[in-house]
Protein backbone atom coordinates (compact mmCIF):
# COMPACT_ATOMS: atom_id res chain seq x y z
CA GLN A 1 30.60 -42.04 19.15
CA PRO A 2 34.24 -40.80 17.90
CA GLY A 3 35.48 -41.92 14.66
CA SER A 4 32.05 -41.79 13.19
CA ASN A 5 30.30 -39.98 10.01
CA ILE A 6 27.40 -38.45 10.34
CA GLY A 7 27.28 -38.34 6.59
CA ASN A 8 26.61 -42.27 6.82
CA LEU A 9 23.81 -41.82 8.78
CA ARG A 10 20.76 -42.59 7.43
CA ASN A 11 16.51 -40.43 7.98
CA ALA A 12 15.88 -39.38 11.75
CA ALA A 13 19.50 -40.87 12.90
CA TYR A 14 21.26 -37.97 10.34
CA TRP A 15 19.11 -35.63 11.20
CA SER A 16 19.06 -35.79 14.89
CA GLU A 17 23.00 -35.51 14.77
CA ILE A 18 23.64 -32.93 12.11
CA ALA A 19 21.02 -31.14 14.33
CA LYS A 20 23.51 -30.73 17.02
CA VAL A 21 26.06 -29.75 14.62
CA TYR A 22 24.00 -27.11 13.71
CA ALA A 23 23.16 -26.13 17.67
CA GLU A 24 26.83 -25.71 18.51
CA CYS A 25 27.37 -23.86 15.49
CA TRP A 26 24.89 -21.52 17.16
CA ARG A 27 26.36 -21.90 20.54
CA VAL A 28 29.47 -20.35 19.26
CA LEU A 29 28.44 -17.88 16.77
CA LYS A 30 28.27 -14.19 18.09
CA PRO A 31 24.90 -12.82 17.39
CA GLY A 32 25.27 -11.61 13.71
CA GLY A 33 27.29 -14.43 12.73
CA LEU A 34 27.37 -16.08 9.41
CA MET A 35 27.45 -20.13 9.05
CA ALA A 36 27.83 -21.20 5.30
CA LEU A 37 27.05 -24.47 4.25
CA VAL A 38 28.39 -26.10 0.81
CA LEU A 39 25.25 -29.10 0.22
CA LYS A 40 24.48 -31.26 -2.66
CA GLY A 41 21.40 -32.90 -2.95
CA PHE A 42 21.38 -36.98 -4.36
CA VAL A 43 19.67 -40.29 -5.29
CA ARG A 44 18.11 -42.71 -2.97
CA ALA A 45 16.27 -45.79 -3.97
CA GLY A 46 16.03 -43.69 -7.13
CA VAL A 47 14.40 -40.84 -5.50
CA TYR A 48 15.99 -37.89 -5.75
CA GLN A 49 16.71 -36.41 -1.56
CA ASP A 50 16.70 -32.54 -1.66
CA LEU A 51 19.70 -32.05 1.53
CA PRO A 52 19.67 -28.30 0.04
CA GLY A 53 16.51 -27.60 1.09
CA GLN A 54 15.53 -29.90 3.96
CA THR A 55 18.79 -28.65 5.72
CA GLU A 56 17.06 -25.07 5.13
CA ALA A 57 13.94 -25.93 6.54
CA LEU A 58 15.70 -27.13 10.05
CA LEU A 59 17.66 -24.10 10.18
CA LEU A 60 15.13 -21.82 9.36
CA ALA A 61 12.51 -23.81 12.19
CA ALA A 62 15.68 -23.33 14.58
CA GLY A 63 15.61 -19.26 14.26
CA TRP A 64 18.68 -18.95 12.06
CA LEU A 65 17.74 -15.99 9.27
CA LYS A 66 18.92 -16.65 5.77
CA HIS A 67 21.36 -15.13 4.41
CA ASP A 68 22.47 -16.18 0.43
CA HIS A 69 22.34 -18.74 -1.33
CA TRP A 70 24.04 -20.06 -4.54
CA LYS A 71 24.24 -22.84 -7.15
CA ARG A 72 26.94 -23.79 -8.57
CA GLU A 73 27.13 -25.95 -11.23
CA LEU A 74 29.61 -28.62 -11.56
CA TYR A 75 32.32 -29.06 -14.05
CA SER A 76 32.73 -33.26 -13.13
CA LEU A 77 30.44 -35.68 -11.49
CA SER A 78 31.83 -37.70 -8.42
CA PHE A 79 33.00 -41.41 -9.35
CA TRP A 80 28.94 -42.41 -7.73
CA ARG A 81 27.29 -39.96 -9.59
CA ILE A 82 29.04 -41.38 -13.04
CA LEU A 83 27.50 -44.44 -11.79
CA GLN A 84 23.96 -43.24 -11.43
CA ALA A 85 24.33 -41.96 -14.84
CA ARG A 86 24.76 -44.99 -16.34
CA LYS A 87 22.07 -46.57 -14.92
CA GLY A 88 19.83 -44.61 -16.03
CA ASN A 89 18.55 -42.95 -12.85
CA PHE A 90 19.94 -39.93 -13.27
CA ASP A 91 18.61 -36.25 -11.43
CA ASN A 92 19.84 -33.59 -13.52
CA ARG A 93 19.60 -30.99 -10.27
CA LEU A 94 22.51 -33.50 -9.49
CA TRP A 95 24.64 -31.43 -11.65
CA PHE A 96 24.55 -28.51 -8.66
CA GLU A 97 25.51 -27.92 -5.13
CA GLU A 98 24.39 -25.59 -2.87
CA VAL A 99 26.08 -22.75 -1.13
CA LEU A 100 23.67 -21.73 1.71
CA ALA A 101 24.51 -18.84 4.28
CA PHE A 102 22.42 -18.21 7.28
CA ARG A 103 23.22 -15.77 9.89
CA LYS A 104 22.34 -15.77 13.88
CA PRO A 105 20.07 -13.07 14.24
CA LEU A 106 20.77 -10.54 16.92
CA GLN A 107 18.16 -11.45 19.08
CA HIS A 108 17.47 -14.42 21.01
CA HIS A 109 15.23 -16.96 19.26
CA PRO A 110 12.88 -18.61 21.77
CA SER A 111 13.75 -21.90 20.88
CA GLN A 112 17.37 -21.69 21.14
């Protein structure tokens, strides 16, 4: 749907749509090409959601090769994260964002 934001989707709907985005990245990248993502976990219903880890698992299963991974401490929090901290619903992993780099293999992966 034009104008929709995948980031606003939840659960299976999100993973289904984001998998299409990563499949298109696979299609346009030459073998050996790199894709870099900047991701942050979040809290939903009081439980930390490991978006970086779940994304990594999805991409590895799709045939991407992990190239590199960095964690970067955030110097300030977003408005929403500040509200979570005030409510006492804060996970210290929210102080970080992660940069994940994946490489399209030189050989064709059978699932692609």
